[in-house]
Amino acid sequence: MKLCNISPREIREKIRKGETFVINVVTDWCPDCAIRQRPHLTVFIEELETAGLSVFLLSVQKERLQFLSDEHRALTEEFGGHGYPRTVLIIKGSIQSDSRVEVVTPEALTALADEWIKRVEST
C-alpha cells in the first residue's frame, strides 16, 4: 500500500477519462489529517485497492486558508469545500456529492470503504 500524491491536473485528467477512484484531501497544518487519520489509512486503502479502487492524496494547503494554487482551491470547492481531511469518491468521472469530512477512526474508515465499494459495484 502506498498513498500516492496527485496533482489537480492529474485529477482533472482522470475525471475527463471517466475513471473511478478516491481522493483524500488534506492540508499540512491539519492535525486530523496528519495525526488522527493517517495512521489508519493503510487498512482503508488496502480494502479499496482490493476492490479495484485507487486512492490518491491531494494536499491543498501548507498554511491555514492559503491554497497552493487556484486549481487546488477550485477542486476543494468542487469536492464540497473546507473541512479536512475530506474523502471524495469519483465514479466514472463524476464527483459524488456526499464527500466525507473528518473520517479519522479505523472503524469509520472501514465503514466508509465498505459503503463505497458496494456503491461502485452497483454501478
N, C-alpha and C. Protein backbone atom coordinates (compact mmCIF):
# COMPACT_ATOMS: atom_id res chain seq x y z
N MET A 1 0.85 -1.18 0.00
CA MET A 1 0.00 0.00 0.00
C MET A 1 0.88 1.23 0.00
N LYS A 2 0.62 2.08 -0.93
CA LYS A 2 1.33 3.36 -0.96
C LYS A 2 0.33 4.43 -1.33
N LEU A 3 0.25 5.44 -0.47
CA LEU A 3 -0.64 6.56 -0.75
C LEU A 3 0.09 7.50 -1.70
N CYS A 4 -0.38 7.58 -2.92
CA CYS A 4 0.28 8.39 -3.95
C CYS A 4 -0.30 9.79 -3.97
N ASN A 5 0.60 10.77 -4.03
CA ASN A 5 0.18 12.16 -4.21
C ASN A 5 -0.29 12.34 -5.65
N ILE A 6 -1.25 13.24 -5.80
CA ILE A 6 -1.78 13.51 -7.13
C ILE A 6 -1.94 15.02 -7.28
N SER A 7 -1.77 15.50 -8.47
CA SER A 7 -1.90 16.93 -8.74
C SER A 7 -3.31 17.23 -9.23
N PRO A 8 -3.72 18.49 -9.13
CA PRO A 8 -5.03 18.85 -9.70
C PRO A 8 -5.14 18.51 -11.19
N ARG A 9 -4.07 18.70 -11.92
CA ARG A 9 -4.08 18.38 -13.35
C ARG A 9 -4.34 16.88 -13.56
N GLU A 10 -3.70 16.04 -12.75
CA GLU A 10 -3.90 14.59 -12.88
C GLU A 10 -5.33 14.20 -12.51
N ILE A 11 -5.89 14.85 -11.50
CA ILE A 11 -7.28 14.58 -11.13
C ILE A 11 -8.20 14.94 -12.28
N ARG A 12 -8.00 16.11 -12.85
CA ARG A 12 -8.85 16.55 -13.98
C ARG A 12 -8.77 15.56 -15.14
N GLU A 13 -7.58 15.03 -15.38
CA GLU A 13 -7.41 14.07 -16.48
C GLU A 13 -8.16 12.76 -16.17
N LYS A 14 -8.08 12.29 -14.96
CA LYS A 14 -8.79 11.07 -14.58
C LYS A 14 -10.31 11.27 -14.68
N ILE A 15 -10.78 12.43 -14.26
CA ILE A 15 -12.20 12.74 -14.38
C ILE A 15 -12.60 12.78 -15.86
N ARG A 16 -11.79 13.44 -16.67
CA ARG A 16 -12.07 13.53 -18.11
C ARG A 16 -12.15 12.14 -18.76
N LYS A 17 -11.31 11.23 -18.30
CA LYS A 17 -11.29 9.87 -18.84
C LYS A 17 -12.42 8.99 -18.29
N GLY A 18 -13.17 9.51 -17.31
CA GLY A 18 -14.27 8.74 -16.75
C GLY A 18 -13.84 7.66 -15.77
N GLU A 19 -12.73 7.89 -15.09
CA GLU A 19 -12.22 6.88 -14.15
C GLU A 19 -12.97 6.91 -12.82
N THR A 20 -12.85 5.82 -12.08
CA THR A 20 -13.42 5.68 -10.75
C THR A 20 -12.26 5.58 -9.77
N PHE A 21 -12.25 6.44 -8.74
CA PHE A 21 -11.16 6.48 -7.78
C PHE A 21 -11.56 7.29 -6.56
N VAL A 22 -10.68 7.31 -5.56
CA VAL A 22 -10.93 8.02 -4.31
C VAL A 22 -9.81 9.03 -4.09
N ILE A 23 -10.19 10.23 -3.62
CA ILE A 23 -9.22 11.28 -3.29
C ILE A 23 -9.33 11.56 -1.79
N ASN A 24 -8.20 11.61 -1.12
CA ASN A 24 -8.14 12.02 0.28
C ASN A 24 -7.53 13.42 0.27
N VAL A 25 -8.36 14.43 0.56
CA VAL A 25 -7.93 15.83 0.53
C VAL A 25 -7.47 16.22 1.92
N VAL A 26 -6.22 16.69 2.01
CA VAL A 26 -5.63 17.03 3.31
C VAL A 26 -4.92 18.37 3.22
N THR A 27 -4.51 18.86 4.39
CA THR A 27 -3.65 20.03 4.47
C THR A 27 -2.48 19.69 5.37
N ASP A 28 -1.39 20.42 5.22
CA ASP A 28 -0.21 20.17 6.04
C ASP A 28 -0.42 20.62 7.49
N TRP A 29 -1.29 21.59 7.72
CA TRP A 29 -1.48 22.13 9.06
C TRP A 29 -2.54 21.40 9.88
N CYS A 30 -3.27 20.50 9.29
CA CYS A 30 -4.43 19.86 9.92
C CYS A 30 -4.04 18.66 10.78
N PRO A 31 -4.23 18.73 12.10
CA PRO A 31 -3.90 17.59 12.95
C PRO A 31 -4.79 16.38 12.69
N ASP A 32 -6.05 16.61 12.29
CA ASP A 32 -6.91 15.47 11.97
C ASP A 32 -6.37 14.70 10.77
N CYS A 33 -5.74 15.41 9.84
CA CYS A 33 -5.17 14.76 8.65
C CYS A 33 -3.93 13.95 9.01
N ALA A 34 -2.98 14.62 9.64
CA ALA A 34 -1.65 14.03 9.87
C ALA A 34 -1.59 13.12 11.09
N ILE A 35 -2.28 13.47 12.14
CA ILE A 35 -2.13 12.73 13.40
C ILE A 35 -3.25 11.72 13.60
N ARG A 36 -4.48 12.13 13.39
CA ARG A 36 -5.61 11.25 13.70
C ARG A 36 -5.93 10.27 12.57
N GLN A 37 -5.92 10.72 11.31
CA GLN A 37 -6.33 9.84 10.22
C GLN A 37 -5.19 9.01 9.63
N ARG A 38 -4.08 9.65 9.35
CA ARG A 38 -3.00 8.99 8.59
C ARG A 38 -2.60 7.61 9.12
N PRO A 39 -2.47 7.41 10.44
CA PRO A 39 -2.07 6.07 10.91
C PRO A 39 -3.07 4.97 10.57
N HIS A 40 -4.30 5.33 10.25
CA HIS A 40 -5.35 4.34 9.99
C HIS A 40 -5.67 4.18 8.51
N LEU A 41 -4.98 4.90 7.65
CA LEU A 41 -5.30 4.85 6.23
C LEU A 41 -4.90 3.54 5.55
N THR A 42 -3.93 2.85 6.09
CA THR A 42 -3.44 1.63 5.44
C THR A 42 -4.57 0.63 5.19
N VAL A 43 -5.34 0.32 6.21
CA VAL A 43 -6.42 -0.66 6.05
C VAL A 43 -7.47 -0.15 5.07
N PHE A 44 -7.82 1.13 5.18
CA PHE A 44 -8.79 1.77 4.28
C PHE A 44 -8.33 1.63 2.83
N ILE A 45 -7.10 1.99 2.58
CA ILE A 45 -6.57 1.94 1.21
C ILE A 45 -6.48 0.51 0.70
N GLU A 46 -6.01 -0.39 1.54
CA GLU A 46 -5.90 -1.79 1.12
C GLU A 46 -7.27 -2.38 0.77
N GLU A 47 -8.27 -2.04 1.57
CA GLU A 47 -9.62 -2.55 1.30
C GLU A 47 -10.13 -2.01 -0.04
N LEU A 48 -9.95 -0.73 -0.28
CA LEU A 48 -10.40 -0.15 -1.54
C LEU A 48 -9.61 -0.69 -2.72
N GLU A 49 -8.30 -0.82 -2.57
CA GLU A 49 -7.47 -1.33 -3.67
C GLU A 49 -7.81 -2.78 -3.99
N THR A 50 -8.13 -3.58 -2.97
CA THR A 50 -8.54 -4.96 -3.20
C THR A 50 -9.79 -5.02 -4.08
N ALA A 51 -10.64 -4.03 -3.92
CA ALA A 51 -11.86 -3.94 -4.73
C ALA A 51 -11.62 -3.23 -6.07
N GLY A 52 -10.37 -2.87 -6.35
CA GLY A 52 -10.04 -2.23 -7.63
C GLY A 52 -10.11 -0.72 -7.64
N LEU A 53 -10.24 -0.10 -6.47
CA LEU A 53 -10.30 1.37 -6.40
C LEU A 53 -8.96 1.94 -5.98
N SER A 54 -8.44 2.86 -6.76
CA SER A 54 -7.20 3.55 -6.41
C SER A 54 -7.52 4.70 -5.47
N VAL A 55 -6.59 4.97 -4.54
CA VAL A 55 -6.74 6.06 -3.59
C VAL A 55 -5.56 7.00 -3.75
N PHE A 56 -5.84 8.30 -3.86
CA PHE A 56 -4.79 9.30 -4.04
C PHE A 56 -4.89 10.37 -2.97
N LEU A 57 -3.77 10.99 -2.67
CA LEU A 57 -3.69 12.06 -1.68
C LEU A 57 -3.53 13.39 -2.41
N LEU A 58 -4.37 14.35 -2.05
CA LEU A 58 -4.26 15.70 -2.58
C LEU A 58 -4.09 16.65 -1.42
N SER A 59 -2.89 17.20 -1.28
CA SER A 59 -2.64 18.21 -0.25
C SER A 59 -2.93 19.57 -0.87
N VAL A 60 -3.81 20.35 -0.23
CA VAL A 60 -4.27 21.60 -0.83
C VAL A 60 -3.74 22.86 -0.16
N GLN A 61 -3.22 22.74 1.08
CA GLN A 61 -2.71 23.92 1.80
C GLN A 61 -1.52 23.52 2.66
N LYS A 62 -0.52 24.39 2.70
CA LYS A 62 0.58 24.24 3.66
C LYS A 62 0.25 25.02 4.93
N GLU A 63 -0.33 26.21 4.74
CA GLU A 63 -0.74 27.07 5.85
C GLU A 63 -2.25 27.26 5.78
N ARG A 64 -2.85 27.42 6.93
CA ARG A 64 -4.30 27.56 7.03
C ARG A 64 -4.83 28.68 6.10
N LEU A 65 -5.84 28.33 5.28
CA LEU A 65 -6.52 29.24 4.37
C LEU A 65 -5.67 29.75 3.22
N GLN A 66 -4.49 29.19 3.01
CA GLN A 66 -3.62 29.58 1.90
C GLN A 66 -3.48 28.41 0.93
N PHE A 67 -4.33 28.39 -0.09
CA PHE A 67 -4.28 27.30 -1.05
C PHE A 67 -2.98 27.33 -1.85
N LEU A 68 -2.53 26.15 -2.25
CA LEU A 68 -1.29 26.05 -3.03
C LEU A 68 -1.43 26.70 -4.40
N SER A 69 -2.65 26.69 -4.93
CA SER A 69 -2.91 27.32 -6.24
C SER A 69 -4.41 27.54 -6.39
N ASP A 70 -4.78 28.29 -7.42
CA ASP A 70 -6.20 28.48 -7.70
C ASP A 70 -6.87 27.16 -8.05
N GLU A 71 -6.13 26.27 -8.69
CA GLU A 71 -6.69 24.96 -9.05
C GLU A 71 -6.94 24.11 -7.80
N HIS A 72 -6.06 24.19 -6.81
CA HIS A 72 -6.30 23.49 -5.54
C HIS A 72 -7.56 24.02 -4.88
N ARG A 73 -7.74 25.34 -4.92
CA ARG A 73 -8.95 25.96 -4.35
C ARG A 73 -10.20 25.49 -5.11
N ALA A 74 -10.13 25.50 -6.43
CA ALA A 74 -11.28 25.12 -7.24
C ALA A 74 -11.70 23.67 -6.98
N LEU A 75 -10.73 22.77 -6.91
CA LEU A 75 -11.05 21.37 -6.63
C LEU A 75 -11.65 21.22 -5.24
N THR A 76 -11.09 21.92 -4.26
CA THR A 76 -11.62 21.85 -2.90
C THR A 76 -13.08 22.26 -2.89
N GLU A 77 -13.41 23.32 -3.61
CA GLU A 77 -14.80 23.77 -3.68
C GLU A 77 -15.68 22.74 -4.39
N GLU A 78 -15.18 22.16 -5.47
CA GLU A 78 -15.94 21.14 -6.19
C GLU A 78 -16.16 19.90 -5.35
N PHE A 79 -15.20 19.59 -4.48
CA PHE A 79 -15.29 18.41 -3.61
C PHE A 79 -16.14 18.66 -2.37
N GLY A 80 -16.64 19.87 -2.17
CA GLY A 80 -17.51 20.13 -1.04
C GLY A 80 -17.06 21.24 -0.12
N GLY A 81 -15.91 21.84 -0.39
CA GLY A 81 -15.46 22.97 0.40
C GLY A 81 -14.48 22.62 1.50
N HIS A 82 -14.37 23.55 2.44
CA HIS A 82 -13.42 23.38 3.54
C HIS A 82 -13.87 22.24 4.44
N GLY A 83 -12.95 21.77 5.24
CA GLY A 83 -13.18 20.65 6.14
C GLY A 83 -12.22 19.55 5.76
N TYR A 84 -11.29 19.24 6.66
CA TYR A 84 -10.23 18.28 6.34
C TYR A 84 -10.04 17.32 7.49
N PRO A 85 -9.62 16.13 7.19
CA PRO A 85 -9.48 15.54 5.86
C PRO A 85 -10.85 15.31 5.24
N ARG A 86 -10.89 15.47 3.94
CA ARG A 86 -12.12 15.24 3.18
C ARG A 86 -11.83 14.08 2.22
N THR A 87 -12.69 13.09 2.25
CA THR A 87 -12.53 11.92 1.40
C THR A 87 -13.62 11.96 0.34
N VAL A 88 -13.20 11.81 -0.92
CA VAL A 88 -14.10 12.03 -2.06
C VAL A 88 -14.09 10.79 -2.96
N LEU A 89 -15.28 10.34 -3.30
CA LEU A 89 -15.44 9.24 -4.25
C LEU A 89 -15.81 9.82 -5.61
N ILE A 90 -15.12 9.35 -6.63
CA ILE A 90 -15.41 9.75 -8.00
C ILE A 90 -15.73 8.48 -8.77
N ILE A 91 -16.93 8.42 -9.33
CA ILE A 91 -17.38 7.24 -10.06
C ILE A 91 -17.55 7.61 -11.53
N LYS A 92 -16.80 6.91 -12.37
CA LYS A 92 -16.88 7.12 -13.82
C LYS A 92 -16.78 8.61 -14.18
N GLY A 93 -15.85 9.29 -13.50
CA GLY A 93 -15.60 10.70 -13.78
C GLY A 93 -16.57 11.66 -13.13
N SER A 94 -17.50 11.16 -12.34
CA SER A 94 -18.49 12.01 -11.69
C SER A 94 -18.17 12.14 -10.20
N ILE A 95 -17.95 13.38 -9.74
CA ILE A 95 -17.68 13.64 -8.33
C ILE A 95 -18.96 13.40 -7.56
N GLN A 96 -18.93 12.47 -6.62
CA GLN A 96 -20.11 12.17 -5.83
C GLN A 96 -20.34 13.27 -4.81
N SER A 97 -21.57 13.61 -4.59
CA SER A 97 -21.90 14.78 -3.77
C SER A 97 -21.78 14.55 -2.28
N ASP A 98 -21.56 13.31 -1.85
CA ASP A 98 -21.51 13.04 -0.42
C ASP A 98 -20.09 12.78 0.08
N SER A 99 -19.18 13.70 -0.23
CA SER A 99 -17.82 13.55 0.28
C SER A 99 -17.88 13.55 1.81
N ARG A 100 -16.90 12.94 2.44
CA ARG A 100 -16.92 12.79 3.89
C ARG A 100 -15.79 13.58 4.52
N VAL A 101 -16.11 14.28 5.60
CA VAL A 101 -15.13 15.10 6.31
C VAL A 101 -14.83 14.48 7.66
N GLU A 102 -13.58 14.52 8.05
CA GLU A 102 -13.11 14.08 9.36
C GLU A 102 -13.45 12.63 9.66
N VAL A 103 -13.34 11.77 8.67
CA VAL A 103 -13.43 10.34 8.90
C VAL A 103 -12.02 9.91 9.28
N VAL A 104 -11.78 9.70 10.57
CA VAL A 104 -10.41 9.51 11.03
C VAL A 104 -10.18 8.24 11.83
N THR A 105 -11.22 7.59 12.33
CA THR A 105 -11.02 6.39 13.15
C THR A 105 -10.97 5.15 12.25
N PRO A 106 -10.33 4.10 12.73
CA PRO A 106 -10.29 2.87 11.92
C PRO A 106 -11.69 2.34 11.60
N GLU A 107 -12.59 2.41 12.57
CA GLU A 107 -13.94 1.91 12.36
C GLU A 107 -14.69 2.72 11.31
N ALA A 108 -14.57 4.03 11.38
CA ALA A 108 -15.26 4.90 10.42
C ALA A 108 -14.68 4.73 9.01
N LEU A 109 -13.37 4.59 8.91
CA LEU A 109 -12.73 4.40 7.61
C LEU A 109 -13.14 3.06 6.99
N THR A 110 -13.19 2.01 7.81
CA THR A 110 -13.61 0.70 7.30
C THR A 110 -15.06 0.74 6.84
N ALA A 111 -15.92 1.38 7.61
CA ALA A 111 -17.33 1.51 7.22
C ALA A 111 -17.47 2.28 5.91
N LEU A 112 -16.68 3.35 5.76
CA LEU A 112 -16.73 4.14 4.54
C LEU A 112 -16.25 3.33 3.35
N ALA A 113 -15.16 2.60 3.51
CA ALA A 113 -14.65 1.75 2.42
C ALA A 113 -15.71 0.74 2.01
N ASP A 114 -16.32 0.07 2.97
CA ASP A 114 -17.36 -0.92 2.65
C ASP A 114 -18.53 -0.29 1.90
N GLU A 115 -18.97 0.87 2.37
CA GLU A 115 -20.09 1.57 1.74
C GLU A 115 -19.76 1.94 0.30
N TRP A 116 -18.58 2.50 0.09
CA TRP A 116 -18.22 2.95 -1.25
C TRP A 116 -17.95 1.78 -2.20
N ILE A 117 -17.39 0.69 -1.70
CA ILE A 117 -17.18 -0.49 -2.55
C ILE A 117 -18.53 -1.01 -3.05
N LYS A 118 -19.51 -1.08 -2.16
CA LYS A 118 -20.85 -1.53 -2.56
C LYS A 118 -21.45 -0.58 -3.59
N ARG A 119 -21.26 0.70 -3.38
CA ARG A 119 -21.82 1.68 -4.32
C ARG A 119 -21.19 1.53 -5.70
N VAL A 120 -19.87 1.40 -5.75
CA VAL A 120 -19.17 1.25 -7.03
C VAL A 120 -19.60 -0.06 -7.72
N GLU A 121 -19.71 -1.13 -6.94
CA GLU A 121 -20.09 -2.41 -7.51
C GLU A 121 -21.51 -2.39 -8.08
N SER A 122 -22.36 -1.51 -7.55
CA SER A 122 -23.75 -1.45 -8.02
C SER A 122 -23.91 -0.56 -9.25
N THR A 123 -22.83 0.10 -9.69
CA THR A 123 -22.94 0.97 -10.87
C THR A 123 -22.57 0.24 -12.14
